[in-house]
Every structure is written in structure tokens, then in C-alpha cells.
Amino acid sequence: MKRTMAVWAMAMAIGCGTCAATEKAPSLAGTWVLQAADTLYADGRRVQGYGKRPQGRLMVDRDGRYSLQIYRREAHAFASGDKARGTPDEYREAVMRISAHTGRVRLDPATGTIVFEIEQSLFPNWEGQRQVRQYELKGDVLTYQVPASATGNGTVAISEWRKL
């Protein structure tokens, strides 16, 4: 009984509240490398939202704490060579080429959602937010979609990760 409860507690920590204690629970724990960061437009076009061959890492510990970064590979150096003395355009490009946040993450297989509880973010408006996204986990490939914003342009962001 003690072992069963420990297995169940581990399954809950990694986001599988519906898994039987004897089944292998889906686990996000580990390091994931970004495979795609695409944008799906309302008209059905799908483009590489972070350019060709975007870079990124998603690292999740056994307790569901995570760190996520997505980068557009292409970048221009600041002309001044000094991070504190960039131009407005250089700062804009630097911020727009990355999405980064940390906090807690869990899977809810019953609803097919991944839940990010964002504690810190490059975009401060996300701090303290709970973001729920549809996901699919097939073997070592995790895909999720950020729903289109009602106030946005109707685009859906799609991220695909492969577990190392």
C-alpha cells in the first residue's frame, strides 16, 4: 500500500491524476528540444513562426517545475556591442525573437490539456497567469497549441518538442 501511494503521488506530481498506480504515467520530467514553433493563420496557412530551425528547450523536474525558452535562430548583434545601449529597434528585435517563462506545468490527460502556471516570464503580462492548452503526447514527442486570442489576429501558435 505504501509503495502504491508513493507511485500515485509521483504520478500526480508529474501531471497524471487519472493514471492507475500500476500503469506507466505520462511524464514531462526531463529535457525537451524544440522541433517546431509554427503559426497557424485563420485562413489555414501554417508558417514557421520563429523562422527556419528555431531553437528551444523545455526542462521539467520531477515535481513539475519547468523552464521554457523558444528562440528565433536569426539575430543581429547590437551595433554598440553593449546590451545597455541598444537602439529601440535592436531592443524590439531582441525581445520578439524569444519566448521564455518558468513556473509549474502538468498534464491533464482526461481533458487533453497541458497547464502552465507561469511564475516568471519575459513578457510580464503572463506572470501569475494560468495557461491551458490542448496537447498531444506520442512517445517522446509533445505538441501543444496556444489558442487564438479573441483580441488578436486569429493565429494559433503550435509548439512541438522532442524528449532527449
N, C-alpha and C. Protein backbone atom coordinates (compact mmCIF):
# COMPACT_ATOMS: atom_id res chain seq x y z
N MET A 1 0.83 -1.19 0.00
CA MET A 1 0.00 0.00 0.00
C MET A 1 0.86 1.25 0.00
N LYS A 2 1.93 1.24 0.82
CA LYS A 2 2.81 2.41 0.89
C LYS A 2 3.45 2.69 -0.47
N ARG A 3 3.91 1.63 -1.16
CA ARG A 3 4.51 1.79 -2.49
C ARG A 3 3.48 2.31 -3.49
N THR A 4 2.25 1.78 -3.45
CA THR A 4 1.20 2.23 -4.36
C THR A 4 0.92 3.71 -4.16
N MET A 5 0.85 4.16 -2.93
CA MET A 5 0.61 5.58 -2.66
C MET A 5 1.77 6.43 -3.15
N ALA A 6 3.01 5.93 -3.02
CA ALA A 6 4.17 6.68 -3.49
C ALA A 6 4.14 6.80 -5.01
N VAL A 7 3.77 5.72 -5.70
CA VAL A 7 3.66 5.76 -7.17
C VAL A 7 2.55 6.73 -7.57
N TRP A 8 1.42 6.69 -6.89
CA TRP A 8 0.32 7.61 -7.19
C TRP A 8 0.75 9.05 -6.95
N ALA A 9 1.46 9.32 -5.86
CA ALA A 9 1.93 10.68 -5.57
C ALA A 9 2.88 11.16 -6.65
N MET A 10 3.75 10.29 -7.15
CA MET A 10 4.67 10.66 -8.24
C MET A 10 3.86 10.97 -9.49
N ALA A 11 2.86 10.14 -9.80
CA ALA A 11 2.04 10.39 -10.99
C ALA A 11 1.35 11.74 -10.88
N MET A 12 0.85 12.10 -9.70
CA MET A 12 0.21 13.40 -9.51
C MET A 12 1.22 14.52 -9.71
N ALA A 13 2.43 14.37 -9.22
CA ALA A 13 3.45 15.41 -9.33
C ALA A 13 3.84 15.66 -10.77
N ILE A 14 3.80 14.62 -11.61
CA ILE A 14 4.19 14.83 -13.00
C ILE A 14 2.99 15.06 -13.90
N GLY A 15 1.82 15.15 -13.31
CA GLY A 15 0.66 15.59 -14.07
C GLY A 15 -0.27 14.50 -14.56
N CYS A 16 -0.29 13.37 -13.94
CA CYS A 16 -1.18 12.32 -14.40
C CYS A 16 -2.10 11.90 -13.27
N GLY A 17 -3.11 12.69 -13.02
CA GLY A 17 -4.03 12.41 -11.95
C GLY A 17 -5.01 11.29 -12.25
N THR A 18 -5.09 10.85 -13.52
CA THR A 18 -6.04 9.81 -13.87
C THR A 18 -5.39 8.47 -14.12
N CYS A 19 -4.07 8.37 -14.01
CA CYS A 19 -3.36 7.11 -14.28
C CYS A 19 -3.51 6.16 -13.08
N ALA A 20 -3.71 4.91 -13.37
CA ALA A 20 -3.70 3.91 -12.30
C ALA A 20 -2.29 3.80 -11.78
N ALA A 21 -2.15 3.52 -10.50
CA ALA A 21 -0.83 3.48 -9.88
C ALA A 21 0.07 2.43 -10.50
N THR A 22 -0.50 1.38 -11.07
CA THR A 22 0.33 0.34 -11.66
C THR A 22 0.67 0.62 -13.11
N GLU A 23 0.02 1.59 -13.76
CA GLU A 23 0.32 1.93 -15.15
C GLU A 23 1.47 2.92 -15.20
N LYS A 24 2.15 2.92 -16.35
CA LYS A 24 3.22 3.90 -16.54
C LYS A 24 2.57 5.25 -16.84
N ALA A 25 2.80 6.22 -15.98
CA ALA A 25 2.21 7.55 -16.14
C ALA A 25 2.97 8.35 -17.20
N PRO A 26 2.24 9.15 -18.02
CA PRO A 26 2.96 10.02 -18.95
C PRO A 26 3.78 11.02 -18.14
N SER A 27 5.02 11.20 -18.54
CA SER A 27 5.91 12.05 -17.77
C SER A 27 6.48 13.16 -18.63
N LEU A 28 6.43 14.38 -18.13
CA LEU A 28 7.09 15.50 -18.78
C LEU A 28 8.49 15.69 -18.22
N ALA A 29 8.81 15.03 -17.11
CA ALA A 29 10.11 15.22 -16.47
C ALA A 29 11.23 14.91 -17.45
N GLY A 30 12.18 15.82 -17.53
CA GLY A 30 13.32 15.66 -18.41
C GLY A 30 13.57 16.91 -19.23
N THR A 31 14.41 16.74 -20.25
CA THR A 31 14.77 17.85 -21.13
C THR A 31 14.18 17.59 -22.51
N TRP A 32 13.53 18.59 -23.04
CA TRP A 32 12.89 18.53 -24.34
C TRP A 32 13.55 19.56 -25.26
N VAL A 33 13.72 19.21 -26.53
CA VAL A 33 14.29 20.13 -27.51
C VAL A 33 13.19 20.51 -28.50
N LEU A 34 13.16 21.77 -28.87
CA LEU A 34 12.13 22.28 -29.77
C LEU A 34 12.32 21.72 -31.18
N GLN A 35 11.25 21.22 -31.76
CA GLN A 35 11.26 20.72 -33.13
C GLN A 35 10.58 21.70 -34.09
N ALA A 36 9.56 22.40 -33.61
CA ALA A 36 8.82 23.35 -34.45
C ALA A 36 8.15 24.38 -33.56
N ALA A 37 8.10 25.60 -34.07
CA ALA A 37 7.36 26.70 -33.43
C ALA A 37 6.65 27.43 -34.56
N ASP A 38 5.48 26.91 -34.90
CA ASP A 38 4.76 27.39 -36.07
C ASP A 38 3.60 28.29 -35.71
N THR A 39 3.13 29.01 -36.71
CA THR A 39 1.96 29.86 -36.57
C THR A 39 0.92 29.40 -37.58
N LEU A 40 -0.28 29.11 -37.10
CA LEU A 40 -1.39 28.72 -37.95
C LEU A 40 -2.33 29.92 -38.06
N TYR A 41 -2.51 30.41 -39.28
CA TYR A 41 -3.37 31.57 -39.52
C TYR A 41 -4.82 31.13 -39.69
N ALA A 42 -5.74 32.05 -39.49
CA ALA A 42 -7.17 31.77 -39.60
C ALA A 42 -7.54 31.23 -40.98
N ASP A 43 -6.79 31.60 -42.01
CA ASP A 43 -7.09 31.13 -43.37
C ASP A 43 -6.51 29.75 -43.66
N GLY A 44 -5.85 29.10 -42.65
CA GLY A 44 -5.32 27.76 -42.80
C GLY A 44 -3.84 27.69 -43.13
N ARG A 45 -3.22 28.82 -43.44
CA ARG A 45 -1.78 28.81 -43.72
C ARG A 45 -1.01 28.50 -42.44
N ARG A 46 0.01 27.64 -42.57
CA ARG A 46 0.90 27.33 -41.43
C ARG A 46 2.31 27.73 -41.83
N VAL A 47 2.90 28.62 -41.03
CA VAL A 47 4.24 29.12 -41.32
C VAL A 47 5.14 28.92 -40.11
N GLN A 48 6.43 29.02 -40.34
CA GLN A 48 7.41 28.89 -39.26
C GLN A 48 7.44 30.21 -38.49
N GLY A 49 6.73 30.26 -37.37
CA GLY A 49 6.58 31.49 -36.60
C GLY A 49 7.88 32.03 -36.02
N TYR A 50 8.84 31.17 -35.75
CA TYR A 50 10.13 31.59 -35.21
C TYR A 50 11.25 31.35 -36.22
N GLY A 51 10.88 31.37 -37.51
CA GLY A 51 11.87 31.20 -38.56
C GLY A 51 12.25 29.75 -38.78
N LYS A 52 13.19 29.56 -39.70
CA LYS A 52 13.68 28.22 -40.00
C LYS A 52 14.54 27.72 -38.85
N ARG A 53 14.33 26.47 -38.50
CA ARG A 53 15.13 25.81 -37.45
C ARG A 53 15.16 26.62 -36.14
N PRO A 54 14.01 26.89 -35.54
CA PRO A 54 14.02 27.59 -34.26
C PRO A 54 14.73 26.74 -33.21
N GLN A 55 15.17 27.38 -32.17
CA GLN A 55 15.84 26.68 -31.08
C GLN A 55 14.99 26.81 -29.82
N GLY A 56 15.13 25.85 -28.93
CA GLY A 56 14.40 25.95 -27.69
C GLY A 56 14.63 24.76 -26.79
N ARG A 57 14.39 24.98 -25.52
CA ARG A 57 14.49 23.93 -24.50
C ARG A 57 13.30 24.07 -23.55
N LEU A 58 12.81 22.94 -23.16
CA LEU A 58 11.81 22.84 -22.10
C LEU A 58 12.38 21.84 -21.12
N MET A 59 12.63 22.29 -19.91
CA MET A 59 13.19 21.41 -18.87
C MET A 59 12.18 21.33 -17.74
N VAL A 60 11.83 20.08 -17.37
CA VAL A 60 10.83 19.85 -16.33
C VAL A 60 11.42 18.91 -15.30
N ASP A 61 11.32 19.28 -14.02
CA ASP A 61 11.82 18.38 -12.98
C ASP A 61 10.71 17.43 -12.52
N ARG A 62 11.03 16.51 -11.62
CA ARG A 62 10.06 15.51 -11.16
C ARG A 62 8.87 16.11 -10.44
N ASP A 63 9.03 17.34 -9.93
CA ASP A 63 7.93 17.99 -9.20
C ASP A 63 7.09 18.90 -10.10
N GLY A 64 7.39 18.91 -11.41
CA GLY A 64 6.61 19.72 -12.34
C GLY A 64 7.07 21.16 -12.48
N ARG A 65 8.21 21.51 -11.87
CA ARG A 65 8.75 22.85 -12.09
C ARG A 65 9.42 22.86 -13.46
N TYR A 66 9.21 23.95 -14.22
CA TYR A 66 9.73 23.97 -15.58
C TYR A 66 10.41 25.29 -15.91
N SER A 67 11.20 25.23 -16.96
CA SER A 67 11.81 26.41 -17.59
C SER A 67 11.69 26.19 -19.09
N LEU A 68 11.13 27.16 -19.80
CA LEU A 68 10.89 27.03 -21.23
C LEU A 68 11.45 28.24 -21.96
N GLN A 69 12.18 27.99 -23.05
CA GLN A 69 12.69 29.05 -23.90
C GLN A 69 12.51 28.64 -25.36
N ILE A 70 12.01 29.56 -26.18
CA ILE A 70 11.91 29.38 -27.62
C ILE A 70 12.60 30.57 -28.26
N TYR A 71 13.53 30.30 -29.18
CA TYR A 71 14.31 31.36 -29.83
C TYR A 71 14.18 31.28 -31.34
N ARG A 72 14.08 32.43 -31.98
CA ARG A 72 14.30 32.50 -33.42
C ARG A 72 15.81 32.50 -33.61
N ARG A 73 16.32 31.63 -34.43
CA ARG A 73 17.76 31.46 -34.61
C ARG A 73 18.41 32.74 -35.14
N GLU A 74 17.78 33.37 -36.10
CA GLU A 74 18.36 34.56 -36.71
C GLU A 74 18.35 35.73 -35.72
N ALA A 75 19.47 36.42 -35.60
CA ALA A 75 19.56 37.57 -34.69
C ALA A 75 20.66 38.49 -35.19
N HIS A 76 20.51 39.76 -34.90
CA HIS A 76 21.52 40.75 -35.25
C HIS A 76 22.18 41.26 -33.98
N ALA A 77 23.48 41.41 -34.03
CA ALA A 77 24.21 41.96 -32.88
C ALA A 77 23.88 43.44 -32.72
N PHE A 78 23.92 43.92 -31.48
CA PHE A 78 23.73 45.36 -31.23
C PHE A 78 24.93 46.10 -31.81
N ALA A 79 24.67 47.19 -32.52
CA ALA A 79 25.74 47.96 -33.15
C ALA A 79 26.74 48.48 -32.12
N SER A 80 26.25 48.87 -30.94
CA SER A 80 27.13 49.43 -29.90
C SER A 80 27.98 48.34 -29.24
N GLY A 81 27.55 47.08 -29.35
CA GLY A 81 28.25 46.00 -28.65
C GLY A 81 27.94 45.97 -27.16
N ASP A 82 27.02 46.82 -26.71
CA ASP A 82 26.69 46.98 -25.29
C ASP A 82 25.19 46.75 -25.11
N LYS A 83 24.82 45.74 -24.34
CA LYS A 83 23.42 45.40 -24.11
C LYS A 83 22.62 46.58 -23.53
N ALA A 84 23.27 47.42 -22.76
CA ALA A 84 22.58 48.55 -22.12
C ALA A 84 22.44 49.76 -23.05
N ARG A 85 23.01 49.68 -24.26
CA ARG A 85 22.97 50.85 -25.16
C ARG A 85 22.45 50.50 -26.55
N GLY A 86 21.43 49.67 -26.59
CA GLY A 86 20.84 49.31 -27.87
C GLY A 86 19.87 50.38 -28.35
N THR A 87 19.54 50.30 -29.64
CA THR A 87 18.53 51.19 -30.20
C THR A 87 17.15 50.61 -29.93
N PRO A 88 16.09 51.41 -30.05
CA PRO A 88 14.74 50.85 -29.88
C PRO A 88 14.48 49.66 -30.81
N ASP A 89 14.94 49.72 -32.04
CA ASP A 89 14.74 48.60 -32.96
C ASP A 89 15.52 47.37 -32.51
N GLU A 90 16.73 47.55 -31.99
CA GLU A 90 17.52 46.42 -31.51
C GLU A 90 16.86 45.77 -30.31
N TYR A 91 16.33 46.58 -29.39
CA TYR A 91 15.63 46.02 -28.22
C TYR A 91 14.37 45.27 -28.66
N ARG A 92 13.61 45.85 -29.58
CA ARG A 92 12.39 45.20 -30.06
C ARG A 92 12.72 43.85 -30.67
N GLU A 93 13.72 43.81 -31.55
CA GLU A 93 14.09 42.54 -32.19
C GLU A 93 14.56 41.52 -31.15
N ALA A 94 15.33 41.95 -30.18
CA ALA A 94 15.83 41.04 -29.15
C ALA A 94 14.68 40.42 -28.36
N VAL A 95 13.69 41.22 -28.00
CA VAL A 95 12.56 40.72 -27.22
C VAL A 95 11.65 39.84 -28.07
N MET A 96 11.43 40.22 -29.32
CA MET A 96 10.49 39.48 -30.16
C MET A 96 11.06 38.16 -30.68
N ARG A 97 12.35 37.91 -30.52
CA ARG A 97 12.92 36.65 -31.01
C ARG A 97 12.87 35.54 -29.97
N ILE A 98 12.35 35.83 -28.78
CA ILE A 98 12.34 34.82 -27.71
C ILE A 98 11.02 34.83 -26.95
N SER A 99 10.62 33.63 -26.57
CA SER A 99 9.53 33.45 -25.62
C SER A 99 10.13 32.63 -24.49
N ALA A 100 10.01 33.11 -23.27
CA ALA A 100 10.60 32.41 -22.13
C ALA A 100 9.73 32.59 -20.89
N HIS A 101 9.52 31.48 -20.18
CA HIS A 101 8.79 31.56 -18.91
C HIS A 101 9.13 30.35 -18.06
N THR A 102 8.88 30.48 -16.76
CA THR A 102 9.13 29.42 -15.78
C THR A 102 7.94 29.32 -14.84
N GLY A 103 7.86 28.20 -14.16
CA GLY A 103 6.79 28.00 -13.18
C GLY A 103 6.55 26.53 -12.95
N ARG A 104 5.27 26.13 -13.00
CA ARG A 104 4.89 24.73 -12.84
C ARG A 104 4.05 24.31 -14.04
N VAL A 105 4.19 23.04 -14.42
CA VAL A 105 3.43 22.51 -15.56
C VAL A 105 2.91 21.13 -15.21
N ARG A 106 1.74 20.80 -15.75
CA ARG A 106 1.17 19.47 -15.55
C ARG A 106 0.29 19.13 -16.73
N LEU A 107 0.17 17.82 -16.96
CA LEU A 107 -0.73 17.31 -17.98
C LEU A 107 -2.05 16.93 -17.32
N ASP A 108 -3.14 17.15 -18.02
CA ASP A 108 -4.45 16.65 -17.60
C ASP A 108 -4.95 15.75 -18.73
N PRO A 109 -4.58 14.46 -18.70
CA PRO A 109 -4.97 13.56 -19.79
C PRO A 109 -6.48 13.45 -19.97
N ALA A 110 -7.24 13.61 -18.91
CA ALA A 110 -8.70 13.49 -19.02
C ALA A 110 -9.29 14.55 -19.94
N THR A 111 -8.70 15.75 -19.93
CA THR A 111 -9.21 16.84 -20.79
C THR A 111 -8.31 17.09 -21.99
N GLY A 112 -7.17 16.39 -22.06
CA GLY A 112 -6.25 16.58 -23.17
C GLY A 112 -5.56 17.93 -23.13
N THR A 113 -5.34 18.45 -21.90
CA THR A 113 -4.74 19.77 -21.78
C THR A 113 -3.43 19.72 -20.99
N ILE A 114 -2.57 20.65 -21.33
CA ILE A 114 -1.35 20.91 -20.58
C ILE A 114 -1.58 22.26 -19.91
N VAL A 115 -1.21 22.34 -18.63
CA VAL A 115 -1.48 23.55 -17.85
C VAL A 115 -0.15 24.14 -17.39
N PHE A 116 0.09 25.38 -17.78
CA PHE A 116 1.27 26.12 -17.35
C PHE A 116 0.84 27.13 -16.29
N GLU A 117 1.41 27.03 -15.11
CA GLU A 117 1.21 28.02 -14.05
C GLU A 117 2.46 28.90 -14.11
N ILE A 118 2.37 30.06 -14.73
CA ILE A 118 3.54 30.88 -15.04
C ILE A 118 3.88 31.77 -13.84
N GLU A 119 5.10 31.61 -13.36
CA GLU A 119 5.59 32.42 -12.24
C GLU A 119 6.42 33.61 -12.73
N GLN A 120 7.37 33.35 -13.64
CA GLN A 120 8.17 34.42 -14.23
C GLN A 120 8.11 34.29 -15.74
N SER A 121 8.16 35.44 -16.44
CA SER A 121 8.11 35.43 -17.89
C SER A 121 8.83 36.63 -18.47
N LEU A 122 9.43 36.45 -19.63
CA LEU A 122 10.00 37.59 -20.35
C LEU A 122 8.90 38.60 -20.64
N PHE A 123 7.68 38.14 -20.89
CA PHE A 123 6.52 39.00 -21.10
C PHE A 123 5.80 39.13 -19.76
N PRO A 124 5.97 40.24 -19.06
CA PRO A 124 5.46 40.35 -17.69
C PRO A 124 3.95 40.17 -17.54
N ASN A 125 3.19 40.38 -18.60
CA ASN A 125 1.74 40.22 -18.52
C ASN A 125 1.34 38.78 -18.24
N TRP A 126 2.23 37.81 -18.51
CA TRP A 126 1.92 36.41 -18.27
C TRP A 126 2.20 35.98 -16.84
N GLU A 127 2.94 36.77 -16.09
CA GLU A 127 3.30 36.36 -14.72
C GLU A 127 2.05 36.22 -13.86
N GLY A 128 1.98 35.10 -13.15
CA GLY A 128 0.83 34.81 -12.32
C GLY A 128 -0.35 34.24 -13.10
N GLN A 129 -0.18 34.02 -14.39
CA GLN A 129 -1.26 33.50 -15.23
C GLN A 129 -1.25 31.98 -15.28
N ARG A 130 -2.39 31.44 -15.51
CA ARG A 130 -2.57 30.00 -15.74
C ARG A 130 -2.96 29.84 -17.20
N GLN A 131 -2.13 29.16 -17.98
CA GLN A 131 -2.43 28.97 -19.40
C GLN A 131 -2.72 27.50 -19.66
N VAL A 132 -3.86 27.25 -20.25
CA VAL A 132 -4.32 25.89 -20.55
C VAL A 132 -4.33 25.73 -22.06
N ARG A 133 -3.70 24.64 -22.54
CA ARG A 133 -3.56 24.42 -23.97
C ARG A 133 -3.85 22.96 -24.29
N GLN A 134 -4.42 22.72 -25.45
CA GLN A 134 -4.62 21.34 -25.93
C GLN A 134 -3.25 20.74 -26.23
N TYR A 135 -3.06 19.47 -25.90
CA TYR A 135 -1.77 18.83 -26.19
C TYR A 135 -1.99 17.43 -26.75
N GLU A 136 -0.89 16.92 -27.33
CA GLU A 136 -0.83 15.54 -27.77
C GLU A 136 0.56 15.05 -27.39
N LEU A 137 0.63 13.88 -26.77
CA LEU A 137 1.91 13.28 -26.38
C LEU A 137 1.96 11.90 -27.02
N LYS A 138 2.85 11.76 -28.02
CA LYS A 138 3.03 10.49 -28.72
C LYS A 138 4.47 10.07 -28.55
N GLY A 139 4.70 9.09 -27.68
CA GLY A 139 6.06 8.65 -27.41
C GLY A 139 6.86 9.78 -26.81
N ASP A 140 7.93 10.17 -27.47
CA ASP A 140 8.80 11.25 -26.99
C ASP A 140 8.53 12.58 -27.69
N VAL A 141 7.35 12.74 -28.30
CA VAL A 141 7.02 13.99 -28.99
C VAL A 141 5.78 14.60 -28.33
N LEU A 142 5.94 15.84 -27.88
CA LEU A 142 4.87 16.62 -27.25
C LEU A 142 4.53 17.78 -28.17
N THR A 143 3.26 17.92 -28.50
CA THR A 143 2.79 19.03 -29.32
C THR A 143 1.65 19.71 -28.56
N TYR A 144 1.67 21.04 -28.54
CA TYR A 144 0.54 21.77 -27.96
C TYR A 144 0.28 23.03 -28.75
N GLN A 145 -0.96 23.53 -28.61
CA GLN A 145 -1.38 24.71 -29.33
C GLN A 145 -1.81 25.79 -28.36
N VAL A 146 -1.34 27.01 -28.63
CA VAL A 146 -1.77 28.18 -27.87
C VAL A 146 -3.00 28.72 -28.59
N PRO A 147 -4.17 28.72 -27.95
CA PRO A 147 -5.39 29.14 -28.63
C PRO A 147 -5.31 30.59 -29.12
N ALA A 148 -6.04 30.83 -30.20
CA ALA A 148 -6.11 32.19 -30.75
C ALA A 148 -6.75 33.11 -29.73
N SER A 149 -6.20 34.29 -29.59
CA SER A 149 -6.74 35.29 -28.68
C SER A 149 -7.94 35.96 -29.33
N ALA A 150 -8.97 36.22 -28.53
CA ALA A 150 -10.15 36.91 -29.04
C ALA A 150 -9.82 38.33 -29.50
N THR A 151 -8.80 38.92 -28.92
CA THR A 151 -8.42 40.29 -29.30
C THR A 151 -7.27 40.32 -30.29
N GLY A 152 -6.73 39.13 -30.63
CA GLY A 152 -5.58 39.05 -31.53
C GLY A 152 -5.99 38.95 -32.99
N ASN A 153 -5.10 38.41 -33.80
CA ASN A 153 -5.34 38.32 -35.24
C ASN A 153 -5.82 36.93 -35.67
N GLY A 154 -6.25 36.11 -34.74
CA GLY A 154 -6.79 34.80 -35.06
C GLY A 154 -5.75 33.72 -35.30
N THR A 155 -4.50 33.99 -34.96
CA THR A 155 -3.46 32.98 -35.17
C THR A 155 -3.37 32.03 -33.99
N VAL A 156 -2.92 30.81 -34.28
CA VAL A 156 -2.70 29.79 -33.27
C VAL A 156 -1.21 29.43 -33.31
N ALA A 157 -0.54 29.49 -32.16
CA ALA A 157 0.86 29.08 -32.08
C ALA A 157 0.91 27.59 -31.79
N ILE A 158 1.76 26.88 -32.53
CA ILE A 158 1.92 25.44 -32.34
C ILE A 158 3.37 25.16 -32.00
N SER A 159 3.58 24.49 -30.86
CA SER A 159 4.94 24.11 -30.44
C SER A 159 5.04 22.60 -30.43
N GLU A 160 6.18 22.10 -30.95
CA GLU A 160 6.44 20.67 -30.95
C GLU A 160 7.81 20.43 -30.34
N TRP A 161 7.86 19.52 -29.35
CA TRP A 161 9.06 19.22 -28.60
C TRP A 161 9.38 17.74 -28.69
N ARG A 162 10.66 17.39 -28.65
CA ARG A 162 11.11 16.01 -28.61
C ARG A 162 11.94 15.82 -27.34
N LYS A 163 11.62 14.78 -26.60
CA LYS A 163 12.32 14.50 -25.35
C LYS A 163 13.69 13.92 -25.65
N LEU A 164 14.72 14.45 -24.98
CA LEU A 164 16.08 13.95 -25.16
C LEU A 164 16.28 12.70 -24.34
